[in-house]
Amino acid sequence: MTVSDSEAAIKAWLAAQEGAMLDLLRDVVNIDSGSYDKAGVDAVGARFERFFAELVDLGGALAADPGDLAELCERYGLEMQPDTVPGLIERFGLRAPGETA
C-alpha cells in the first residue's frame, strides 16, 4: 500500500498533535458521564458544542481572522490548519456549514 504525500502529511500532523489529543481525551473522559448520567453526557457534548459555536461565530475555519482563530484554539488547547479544510471536505464528501446539498 502506497501512502500519498498528503496522507503522509496528515499522519505527521496527527502524530504532532498527540499531546493535545490526549489532553482533550483526558478532559472528556474525566467528566462523570456514564450512559445513565444525563448531566455528564450533556457536559461532554457541551465541551465540543462550545468550541464549534465559537468557531462558527468567527466565520468558520476558512474565514476566521487568523489571530482570532489562534486565540480560540489556544483556549481549547487545540491546533488547527485551516488550509487543509477544503481538501478534507472534498476528499470525504462533506459540506461546509451553511452549504446545502
Foldseek 3Di string as FASTA:
>chain_A
DDADPVNVVVVVVVVVCVVLVVVLVVVLVPQPCDPVDVVSVVVSVVLVVVLVVVCVVQVHLQRHDVVSVVVSCVVSSHDDDSVCVVVVCVVVVHDDPPDDD
